[in-house]
Amino acid sequence: MIEAEVTTVGLSEHADDLLDQMKEQEIFAEKLDGYRFAISFAVASGIVPSEIGKRKTLFNVGSLDPGQLIRSAIEALYEDELRTTSVYRVAERLADWGVRELYEQASQGQLDFATLLKSVDEASAQ
């Protein structure tokens, strides 16, 4: 059975804490910016996200995706996952993975957005 579409999205409590830290470190100006970037990073990395379990609600879908570009990308790229869950549940899972990965790179002093984007571009060209 396909899950009904949701009106809010969130992260696991751990990923939310990491996103808070990245905002405090001024890696992202706003948590919403980091959330969106984390989704994009996960998609560009070819991640098929796993379930995250208990969520902490953060954003209204209308605020996250006013032009529905995230919805369109997920519908185009995650058809298999959408057989059992909603678009924005997939977005949450992508964001959760992306936040964790970005935090890991930042904590190792390796978060350089130009290099990160270049490596994703090179990986997608292969």
Protein backbone atom coordinates (compact mmCIF):
# COMPACT_ATOMS: atom_id res chain seq x y z
CA MET A 1 0.00 0.00 0.00
CA ILE A 2 1.33 3.42 -0.94
CA GLU A 3 1.64 5.90 1.89
CA ALA A 4 -0.43 9.07 1.55
CA GLU A 5 1.48 12.23 0.70
CA VAL A 6 2.64 14.21 3.70
CA THR A 7 2.42 17.95 4.35
CA THR A 8 5.50 18.24 6.57
CA VAL A 9 9.00 16.79 6.43
CA GLY A 10 11.70 16.23 8.99
CA LEU A 11 14.85 14.38 9.92
CA SER A 12 15.92 11.85 12.48
CA GLU A 13 16.77 13.56 15.77
CA HIS A 14 20.46 12.85 15.22
CA ALA A 15 20.51 14.35 11.72
CA ASP A 16 18.55 17.37 13.00
CA ASP A 17 21.23 17.93 15.66
CA LEU A 18 23.92 17.72 12.97
CA LEU A 19 22.06 20.20 10.77
CA ASP A 20 21.77 22.56 13.76
CA GLN A 21 25.52 22.33 14.27
CA MET A 22 26.23 23.07 10.60
CA LYS A 23 23.99 26.15 10.83
CA GLU A 24 25.79 27.27 14.01
CA GLN A 25 29.12 26.80 12.21
CA GLU A 26 27.71 28.93 9.39
CA ILE A 27 28.11 26.19 6.83
CA PHE A 28 24.49 26.95 5.92
CA ALA A 29 22.75 30.26 6.53
CA GLU A 30 19.45 28.52 7.32
CA LYS A 31 18.49 24.96 8.14
CA LEU A 32 16.17 24.91 5.13
CA ASP A 33 19.15 25.67 2.85
CA GLY A 34 21.09 22.78 4.36
CA TYR A 35 18.08 20.46 4.08
CA ARG A 36 17.63 21.24 0.39
CA PHE A 37 21.34 20.90 -0.31
CA ALA A 38 21.43 17.56 1.52
CA ILE A 39 18.62 16.24 -0.69
CA SER A 40 20.42 17.44 -3.83
CA PHE A 41 23.72 15.97 -2.67
CA ALA A 42 22.14 12.58 -1.95
CA VAL A 43 20.36 12.53 -5.32
CA ALA A 44 23.54 13.54 -7.16
CA SER A 45 25.44 10.83 -5.27
CA GLY A 46 23.01 8.19 -6.53
CA ILE A 47 21.86 7.23 -3.04
CA VAL A 48 18.84 4.99 -2.57
CA PRO A 49 17.95 6.01 0.96
CA SER A 50 16.86 3.67 3.72
CA GLU A 51 14.05 4.34 6.17
CA ILE A 52 14.91 6.74 8.99
CA GLY A 53 12.42 5.68 11.65
CA LYS A 54 11.25 8.30 14.12
CA ARG A 55 11.26 11.81 12.63
CA LYS A 56 11.46 15.27 14.06
CA THR A 57 9.18 17.52 11.99
CA LEU A 58 10.97 20.57 10.58
CA PHE A 59 9.37 22.09 7.49
CA ASN A 60 6.10 22.43 5.68
CA VAL A 61 6.29 20.91 2.19
CA GLY A 62 5.14 24.23 0.69
CA SER A 63 8.14 25.99 2.24
CA LEU A 64 10.58 23.26 1.26
CA ASP A 65 9.48 22.85 -2.32
CA PRO A 66 7.39 25.83 -3.47
CA GLY A 67 8.01 25.18 -7.17
CA GLN A 68 7.77 21.39 -6.78
CA LEU A 69 11.21 20.87 -8.31
CA ILE A 70 12.18 18.41 -5.57
CA ARG A 71 8.92 16.51 -6.18
CA SER A 72 9.61 16.33 -9.92
CA ALA A 73 13.19 15.12 -9.44
CA ILE A 74 12.18 12.39 -6.99
CA GLU A 75 9.31 11.24 -9.20
CA ALA A 76 11.71 10.96 -12.13
CA LEU A 77 14.58 9.28 -10.28
CA TYR A 78 13.02 7.17 -7.51
CA GLU A 79 10.17 5.37 -9.22
CA ASP A 80 10.84 2.08 -7.40
CA GLU A 81 10.76 3.71 -3.94
CA LEU A 82 7.53 5.52 -4.79
CA ARG A 83 5.71 2.21 -5.14
CA THR A 84 5.59 1.97 -1.35
CA THR A 85 6.02 5.48 0.00
CA SER A 86 5.35 9.11 -0.78
CA VAL A 87 7.58 11.60 -2.58
CA TYR A 88 8.35 13.65 0.50
CA ARG A 89 9.12 10.60 2.65
CA VAL A 90 11.81 9.80 0.07
CA ALA A 91 12.94 13.44 0.31
CA GLU A 92 13.27 13.06 4.09
CA ARG A 93 15.38 9.95 3.71
CA LEU A 94 17.58 11.66 1.13
CA ALA A 95 17.97 14.70 3.40
CA ASP A 96 18.83 12.52 6.39
CA TRP A 97 21.59 10.72 4.48
CA GLY A 98 22.85 13.98 2.97
CA VAL A 99 23.02 15.81 6.30
CA ARG A 100 24.96 12.95 7.90
CA GLU A 101 27.42 12.75 5.01
CA LEU A 102 27.92 16.51 4.80
CA TYR A 103 28.49 16.71 8.56
CA GLU A 104 31.04 13.89 8.39
CA GLN A 105 32.97 15.72 5.69
CA ALA A 106 32.75 19.02 7.58
CA SER A 107 33.98 17.43 10.81
CA GLN A 108 37.03 16.14 8.94
CA GLY A 109 37.69 19.56 7.45
CA GLN A 110 36.92 18.23 3.97
CA LEU A 111 33.72 20.10 3.15
CA ASP A 112 34.62 22.22 0.16
CA PHE A 113 31.51 22.90 -1.90
CA ALA A 114 33.38 23.48 -5.17
CA THR A 115 35.28 20.19 -4.83
CA LEU A 116 32.15 18.38 -3.68
CA LEU A 117 30.14 19.53 -6.69
CA LYS A 118 32.99 18.71 -9.05
CA SER A 119 33.32 15.17 -7.65
CA VAL A 120 29.57 14.58 -8.00
CA ASP A 121 29.70 15.90 -11.57
CA GLU A 122 32.62 13.58 -12.40
CA ALA A 123 30.87 10.59 -10.84
CA SER A 124 27.69 11.22 -12.83
CA ALA A 125 29.68 11.44 -16.07
CA GLN A 126 30.97 7.89 -15.65
